[in-house]
N, C-alpha and C. Protein backbone atom coordinates (compact mmCIF):
# COMPACT_ATOMS: atom_id res chain seq x y z
N MET A 1 149.40 158.95 108.58
CA MET A 1 148.46 158.78 107.51
C MET A 1 147.40 157.77 107.95
N PRO A 2 146.12 158.19 107.89
CA PRO A 2 145.06 157.29 108.34
C PRO A 2 144.87 156.15 107.35
N ASN A 3 144.47 155.00 107.88
CA ASN A 3 144.23 153.81 107.07
C ASN A 3 142.82 153.89 106.49
N LYS A 4 142.75 153.92 105.16
CA LYS A 4 141.43 153.99 104.50
C LYS A 4 141.04 152.59 104.05
N ASN A 5 139.93 152.13 104.54
CA ASN A 5 139.40 150.85 104.08
C ASN A 5 138.52 151.08 102.86
N GLN A 6 138.76 150.27 101.85
CA GLN A 6 137.97 150.41 100.61
C GLN A 6 136.62 149.74 100.81
N ARG A 7 135.59 150.44 100.43
CA ARG A 7 134.25 149.89 100.56
C ARG A 7 133.60 149.89 99.18
N GLY A 8 132.93 148.76 98.84
CA GLY A 8 132.20 148.69 97.57
C GLY A 8 133.12 148.41 96.40
N PHE A 9 132.56 148.59 95.23
CA PHE A 9 133.29 148.33 93.99
C PHE A 9 133.57 149.63 93.28
N THR A 10 134.63 149.64 92.53
CA THR A 10 134.93 150.82 91.73
C THR A 10 134.09 150.78 90.46
N LEU A 11 134.01 151.88 89.79
CA LEU A 11 133.22 151.97 88.56
C LEU A 11 133.76 151.03 87.48
N ILE A 12 135.04 150.91 87.37
CA ILE A 12 135.64 150.04 86.35
C ILE A 12 135.31 148.58 86.63
N GLU A 13 135.30 148.18 87.90
CA GLU A 13 134.96 146.79 88.25
C GLU A 13 133.51 146.49 87.87
N LEU A 14 132.61 147.43 88.14
CA LEU A 14 131.22 147.24 87.77
C LEU A 14 131.04 147.18 86.25
N MET A 15 131.78 147.98 85.52
CA MET A 15 131.69 147.97 84.05
C MET A 15 132.20 146.65 83.48
N ILE A 16 133.22 146.09 84.08
CA ILE A 16 133.74 144.79 83.63
C ILE A 16 132.72 143.69 83.87
N VAL A 17 132.08 143.70 85.02
CA VAL A 17 131.06 142.70 85.33
C VAL A 17 129.89 142.82 84.34
N ILE A 18 129.45 144.02 84.06
CA ILE A 18 128.34 144.23 83.11
C ILE A 18 128.74 143.77 81.71
N ALA A 19 129.98 144.01 81.31
CA ALA A 19 130.45 143.56 79.99
C ALA A 19 130.47 142.03 79.92
N ILE A 20 130.90 141.38 80.96
CA ILE A 20 130.92 139.91 80.99
C ILE A 20 129.50 139.36 80.91
N ILE A 21 128.58 139.94 81.65
CA ILE A 21 127.18 139.50 81.61
C ILE A 21 126.61 139.71 80.20
N GLY A 22 126.93 140.84 79.58
CA GLY A 22 126.46 141.11 78.22
C GLY A 22 126.96 140.08 77.22
N ILE A 23 128.21 139.68 77.34
CA ILE A 23 128.78 138.67 76.43
C ILE A 23 128.10 137.32 76.64
N LEU A 24 127.90 136.95 77.90
CA LEU A 24 127.23 135.67 78.19
C LEU A 24 125.80 135.65 77.65
N VAL A 25 125.08 136.75 77.80
CA VAL A 25 123.71 136.84 77.30
C VAL A 25 123.70 136.77 75.77
N ALA A 26 124.64 137.42 75.12
CA ALA A 26 124.70 137.41 73.66
C ALA A 26 124.94 136.01 73.11
N ILE A 27 125.63 135.18 73.88
CA ILE A 27 125.88 133.80 73.45
C ILE A 27 124.72 132.89 73.86
N ALA A 28 124.20 133.06 75.05
CA ALA A 28 123.21 132.13 75.59
C ALA A 28 121.81 132.30 75.00
N LEU A 29 121.38 133.52 74.70
CA LEU A 29 120.02 133.73 74.22
C LEU A 29 119.73 133.03 72.90
N PRO A 30 120.56 133.17 71.87
CA PRO A 30 120.28 132.44 70.62
C PRO A 30 120.27 130.93 70.82
N MET A 31 121.15 130.42 71.66
CA MET A 31 121.18 128.98 71.92
C MET A 31 119.89 128.55 72.63
N TYR A 32 119.38 129.35 73.52
CA TYR A 32 118.14 129.04 74.21
C TYR A 32 116.96 129.02 73.25
N PHE A 33 116.88 130.00 72.35
CA PHE A 33 115.79 130.05 71.38
C PHE A 33 115.84 128.85 70.44
N ASN A 34 117.04 128.44 70.03
CA ASN A 34 117.17 127.25 69.19
C ASN A 34 116.73 126.00 69.95
N TYR A 35 117.09 125.94 71.21
CA TYR A 35 116.70 124.80 72.05
C TYR A 35 115.18 124.70 72.16
N THR A 36 114.51 125.82 72.42
CA THR A 36 113.06 125.79 72.55
C THR A 36 112.40 125.42 71.22
N ALA A 37 112.93 125.91 70.10
CA ALA A 37 112.37 125.55 68.78
C ALA A 37 112.55 124.06 68.52
N ARG A 38 113.72 123.51 68.84
CA ARG A 38 113.97 122.06 68.67
C ARG A 38 113.01 121.25 69.53
N THR A 39 112.75 121.70 70.74
CA THR A 39 111.84 121.00 71.64
C THR A 39 110.43 121.00 71.08
N LYS A 40 109.99 122.12 70.55
CA LYS A 40 108.66 122.20 69.95
C LYS A 40 108.57 121.30 68.71
N ASN A 41 109.64 121.26 67.92
CA ASN A 41 109.65 120.41 66.73
C ASN A 41 109.66 118.93 67.10
N SER A 42 110.30 118.60 68.21
CA SER A 42 110.34 117.19 68.61
C SER A 42 108.96 116.71 69.06
N GLU A 43 108.07 117.62 69.45
CA GLU A 43 106.70 117.23 69.77
C GLU A 43 106.04 116.58 68.56
N CYS A 44 106.30 117.13 67.39
CA CYS A 44 105.70 116.57 66.17
C CYS A 44 106.24 115.16 65.91
N LEU A 45 107.51 114.93 66.19
CA LEU A 45 108.06 113.58 66.03
C LEU A 45 107.46 112.62 67.05
N ASN A 46 107.18 113.11 68.25
CA ASN A 46 106.56 112.25 69.26
C ASN A 46 105.14 111.86 68.84
N ILE A 47 104.41 112.78 68.24
CA ILE A 47 103.07 112.47 67.76
C ILE A 47 103.16 111.49 66.58
N ALA A 48 104.19 111.64 65.75
CA ALA A 48 104.38 110.74 64.61
C ALA A 48 104.68 109.31 65.05
N ALA A 49 105.03 109.11 66.31
CA ALA A 49 105.26 107.75 66.81
C ALA A 49 103.99 106.91 66.70
N GLY A 50 102.83 107.55 66.87
CA GLY A 50 101.56 106.84 66.69
C GLY A 50 101.37 106.40 65.26
N ALA A 51 101.79 107.24 64.31
CA ALA A 51 101.70 106.87 62.90
C ALA A 51 102.67 105.74 62.58
N LYS A 52 103.85 105.76 63.20
CA LYS A 52 104.82 104.68 63.00
C LYS A 52 104.25 103.34 63.48
N LEU A 53 103.56 103.38 64.61
CA LEU A 53 102.94 102.17 65.13
C LEU A 53 101.85 101.67 64.19
N ALA A 54 101.04 102.60 63.66
CA ALA A 54 99.98 102.22 62.73
C ALA A 54 100.56 101.61 61.46
N VAL A 55 101.65 102.18 60.95
CA VAL A 55 102.30 101.64 59.75
C VAL A 55 102.85 100.25 60.04
N SER A 56 103.50 100.08 61.18
CA SER A 56 104.07 98.78 61.54
C SER A 56 103.00 97.70 61.65
N GLU A 57 101.91 98.03 62.33
CA GLU A 57 100.83 97.05 62.48
C GLU A 57 100.19 96.70 61.14
N THR A 58 99.98 97.71 60.30
CA THR A 58 99.36 97.47 59.00
C THR A 58 100.28 96.65 58.10
N ALA A 59 101.57 96.93 58.12
CA ALA A 59 102.52 96.16 57.32
C ALA A 59 102.56 94.71 57.79
N GLN A 60 102.49 94.51 59.09
CA GLN A 60 102.47 93.16 59.64
C GLN A 60 101.19 92.43 59.21
N ASP A 61 100.07 93.14 59.28
CA ASP A 61 98.79 92.54 58.94
C ASP A 61 98.68 92.23 57.44
N ARG A 62 99.13 93.18 56.61
CA ARG A 62 99.01 93.01 55.15
C ARG A 62 100.14 92.17 54.55
N GLY A 63 101.23 92.07 55.30
CA GLY A 63 102.33 91.25 54.83
C GLY A 63 103.41 91.99 54.06
N SER A 64 103.22 93.30 53.82
CA SER A 64 104.22 94.05 53.06
C SER A 64 104.04 95.55 53.29
N LEU A 65 105.14 96.27 53.24
CA LEU A 65 105.08 97.73 53.33
C LEU A 65 104.43 98.34 52.09
N ALA A 66 104.54 97.69 50.96
CA ALA A 66 103.99 98.22 49.72
C ALA A 66 102.47 98.37 49.79
N LEU A 67 101.82 97.65 50.66
CA LEU A 67 100.36 97.68 50.77
C LEU A 67 99.87 98.69 51.82
N VAL A 68 100.78 99.44 52.41
CA VAL A 68 100.43 100.41 53.45
C VAL A 68 100.24 101.79 52.83
N ASP A 69 99.12 102.43 53.16
CA ASP A 69 98.91 103.84 52.79
C ASP A 69 97.99 104.49 53.81
N ASP A 70 97.65 105.75 53.59
CA ASP A 70 96.87 106.52 54.56
C ASP A 70 95.48 105.95 54.78
N SER A 71 94.92 105.29 53.78
CA SER A 71 93.54 104.83 53.88
C SER A 71 93.37 103.56 54.70
N ASN A 72 94.42 102.76 54.88
CA ASN A 72 94.23 101.49 55.57
C ASN A 72 94.97 101.35 56.91
N THR A 73 95.60 102.42 57.38
CA THR A 73 96.32 102.32 58.65
C THR A 73 95.45 102.59 59.86
N GLY A 74 94.40 103.36 59.67
CA GLY A 74 93.55 103.71 60.80
C GLY A 74 94.09 104.87 61.62
N PHE A 75 95.20 105.47 61.20
CA PHE A 75 95.77 106.59 61.95
C PHE A 75 95.00 107.86 61.63
N ASP A 76 94.64 108.61 62.67
CA ASP A 76 93.91 109.86 62.52
C ASP A 76 94.66 110.93 63.29
N PHE A 77 95.16 111.93 62.58
CA PHE A 77 95.91 113.02 63.22
C PHE A 77 94.92 114.04 63.78
N ALA A 78 95.01 114.29 65.06
CA ALA A 78 94.07 115.18 65.73
C ALA A 78 94.55 116.63 65.75
N GLY A 79 95.80 116.89 65.50
CA GLY A 79 96.33 118.24 65.53
C GLY A 79 96.89 118.60 66.89
N SER A 80 97.84 119.51 66.89
CA SER A 80 98.41 119.99 68.14
C SER A 80 98.93 121.40 67.92
N LYS A 81 99.40 122.00 68.97
CA LYS A 81 99.87 123.38 68.89
C LYS A 81 101.09 123.53 67.98
N TYR A 82 102.01 122.56 68.02
CA TYR A 82 103.25 122.70 67.28
C TYR A 82 103.38 121.73 66.11
N CYS A 83 102.36 120.95 65.84
CA CYS A 83 102.42 119.99 64.74
C CYS A 83 101.26 120.28 63.79
N GLN A 84 101.60 120.68 62.57
CA GLN A 84 100.61 121.09 61.59
C GLN A 84 99.92 119.90 60.95
N SER A 85 100.69 118.91 60.52
CA SER A 85 100.08 117.75 59.85
C SER A 85 101.00 116.54 59.94
N ILE A 86 100.35 115.37 59.88
CA ILE A 86 101.07 114.10 59.76
C ILE A 86 100.32 113.28 58.72
N THR A 87 101.02 112.90 57.66
CA THR A 87 100.40 112.12 56.60
C THR A 87 101.19 110.84 56.37
N ILE A 88 100.48 109.83 55.90
CA ILE A 88 101.10 108.54 55.58
C ILE A 88 100.89 108.29 54.10
N ALA A 89 101.98 108.11 53.37
CA ALA A 89 101.92 107.86 51.93
C ALA A 89 102.06 106.36 51.66
N THR A 90 101.93 106.00 50.41
CA THR A 90 102.08 104.61 50.00
C THR A 90 103.47 104.12 50.39
N GLY A 91 103.53 102.92 50.90
CA GLY A 91 104.79 102.35 51.36
C GLY A 91 105.08 102.69 52.81
N GLY A 92 104.15 103.40 53.47
CA GLY A 92 104.32 103.72 54.88
C GLY A 92 105.19 104.92 55.18
N VAL A 93 105.52 105.72 54.15
CA VAL A 93 106.35 106.92 54.37
C VAL A 93 105.51 107.98 55.08
N ILE A 94 106.02 108.43 56.21
CA ILE A 94 105.31 109.40 57.05
C ILE A 94 105.95 110.77 56.88
N THR A 95 105.11 111.79 56.67
CA THR A 95 105.59 113.17 56.62
C THR A 95 104.94 113.94 57.76
N ALA A 96 105.77 114.48 58.64
CA ALA A 96 105.29 115.26 59.78
C ALA A 96 105.77 116.69 59.60
N THR A 97 104.84 117.63 59.56
CA THR A 97 105.16 119.03 59.34
C THR A 97 104.86 119.83 60.60
N THR A 98 105.84 120.59 61.05
CA THR A 98 105.69 121.39 62.27
C THR A 98 105.05 122.73 61.97
N SER A 99 104.61 123.40 63.00
CA SER A 99 104.06 124.75 62.86
C SER A 99 104.57 125.63 63.97
N THR A 100 105.88 125.71 64.09
CA THR A 100 106.48 126.51 65.16
C THR A 100 106.87 127.88 64.64
N PRO A 101 106.86 128.89 65.51
CA PRO A 101 107.26 130.23 65.10
C PRO A 101 108.72 130.31 64.64
N GLY A 102 109.57 129.41 65.13
CA GLY A 102 110.98 129.44 64.76
C GLY A 102 111.24 129.01 63.33
N GLY A 103 110.30 128.36 62.72
CA GLY A 103 110.44 127.90 61.34
C GLY A 103 109.77 126.57 61.15
N VAL A 104 109.18 126.38 59.97
CA VAL A 104 108.48 125.14 59.65
C VAL A 104 109.50 124.10 59.20
N VAL A 105 109.39 122.90 59.76
CA VAL A 105 110.27 121.80 59.40
C VAL A 105 109.39 120.63 58.98
N ALA A 106 109.75 119.98 57.86
CA ALA A 106 109.02 118.80 57.40
C ALA A 106 109.92 117.58 57.59
N PHE A 107 109.53 116.70 58.47
CA PHE A 107 110.28 115.47 58.73
C PHE A 107 109.71 114.36 57.85
N THR A 108 110.57 113.58 57.23
CA THR A 108 110.14 112.42 56.47
C THR A 108 110.68 111.18 57.15
N LEU A 109 109.78 110.30 57.55
CA LEU A 109 110.15 109.05 58.22
C LEU A 109 109.91 107.90 57.24
N ARG A 110 110.99 107.25 56.80
CA ARG A 110 110.89 106.16 55.84
C ARG A 110 111.14 104.82 56.52
N PRO A 111 110.18 103.91 56.38
CA PRO A 111 110.38 102.58 56.96
C PRO A 111 111.11 101.66 55.99
N SER A 112 111.87 100.75 56.53
CA SER A 112 112.46 99.69 55.72
C SER A 112 112.43 98.42 56.56
N GLU A 113 112.17 97.31 55.88
CA GLU A 113 112.06 96.06 56.61
C GLU A 113 113.44 95.59 57.04
N ASP A 114 113.51 95.13 58.28
CA ASP A 114 114.75 94.60 58.83
C ASP A 114 115.13 93.34 58.06
N ALA A 115 116.41 93.05 57.99
CA ALA A 115 116.88 91.87 57.25
C ALA A 115 116.27 90.59 57.78
N SER A 116 115.99 90.54 59.06
CA SER A 116 115.39 89.34 59.64
C SER A 116 113.89 89.26 59.35
N GLY A 117 113.31 90.39 58.91
CA GLY A 117 111.90 90.40 58.56
C GLY A 117 110.96 90.57 59.74
N GLY A 118 111.46 90.77 60.92
CA GLY A 118 110.61 90.85 62.09
C GLY A 118 110.30 92.25 62.57
N SER A 119 110.96 93.23 62.03
CA SER A 119 110.73 94.59 62.50
C SER A 119 111.00 95.60 61.39
N LEU A 120 110.66 96.85 61.67
CA LEU A 120 110.91 97.93 60.72
C LEU A 120 111.99 98.84 61.27
N ASP A 121 112.88 99.29 60.40
CA ASP A 121 113.86 100.32 60.74
C ASP A 121 113.35 101.63 60.15
N TRP A 122 113.51 102.70 60.89
CA TRP A 122 113.01 104.01 60.45
C TRP A 122 114.17 104.95 60.20
N GLU A 123 114.12 105.65 59.09
CA GLU A 123 115.12 106.67 58.75
C GLU A 123 114.41 108.01 58.72
N CYS A 124 114.92 108.96 59.47
CA CYS A 124 114.34 110.30 59.52
C CYS A 124 115.21 111.25 58.70
N SER A 125 114.56 112.06 57.86
CA SER A 125 115.30 113.04 57.06
C SER A 125 114.51 114.34 56.97
N VAL A 126 115.21 115.41 56.63
CA VAL A 126 114.60 116.71 56.43
C VAL A 126 115.10 117.27 55.10
N PRO A 127 114.39 118.23 54.50
CA PRO A 127 114.87 118.82 53.24
C PRO A 127 116.24 119.47 53.42
N ALA A 128 116.97 119.56 52.33
CA ALA A 128 118.35 120.05 52.36
C ALA A 128 118.47 121.49 52.86
N ASN A 129 117.49 122.33 52.62
CA ASN A 129 117.59 123.74 53.01
C ASN A 129 117.12 124.01 54.44
N THR A 130 116.87 122.98 55.22
CA THR A 130 116.39 123.13 56.60
C THR A 130 117.52 123.56 57.52
N ASP A 131 117.21 124.50 58.40
CA ASP A 131 118.17 124.95 59.42
C ASP A 131 118.34 123.83 60.45
N MET A 132 119.50 123.23 60.50
CA MET A 132 119.74 122.07 61.38
C MET A 132 119.65 122.43 62.87
N MET A 133 119.70 123.71 63.20
CA MET A 133 119.55 124.10 64.59
C MET A 133 118.12 123.86 65.07
N LEU A 134 117.16 123.73 64.13
CA LEU A 134 115.76 123.51 64.49
C LEU A 134 115.39 122.03 64.50
N VAL A 135 116.33 121.17 64.12
CA VAL A 135 116.05 119.74 63.96
C VAL A 135 116.54 118.96 65.18
N PRO A 136 115.66 118.15 65.78
CA PRO A 136 116.09 117.31 66.91
C PRO A 136 117.19 116.34 66.50
N ALA A 137 117.94 115.88 67.46
CA ALA A 137 119.14 115.04 67.19
C ALA A 137 118.80 113.76 66.43
N GLU A 138 117.63 113.17 66.67
CA GLU A 138 117.32 111.90 66.01
C GLU A 138 117.13 112.03 64.51
N CYS A 139 116.97 113.27 64.00
CA CYS A 139 116.77 113.47 62.56
C CYS A 139 117.94 114.19 61.90
N ARG A 140 118.98 114.46 62.63
CA ARG A 140 120.14 115.11 62.01
C ARG A 140 120.99 114.05 61.31
N PRO A 141 121.59 114.43 60.18
CA PRO A 141 122.45 113.46 59.47
C PRO A 141 123.73 113.17 60.22
């Protein structure tokens, strides 16, 4: 009986490999899309850092957070591809709204004076109905 050497893969082996690749893609693609949406949303938080600096400087200059609002901080939002708006309300509360295809997220950044009085602590929050997969880690509860 001649010795037959097996060459290549059998059909069943190829089907198993394709099934494994299909399962990996089904898991990885949604995670990748969520990652890219989170990254785009974090751009808006990075731009809001300028507003945080303006609020901090104005509160230091005026002596209180209660005297801080959009008219006296000097912050001017220029716009970006993934950030729709950044506004500063009375008390230095910043609202940053994204404009990403994955979903609009409104971040609220609330300042509070540190107990020592020398700095501001910032709390980031999002509305209750927001998909947390779209929210960067610094704003998740």
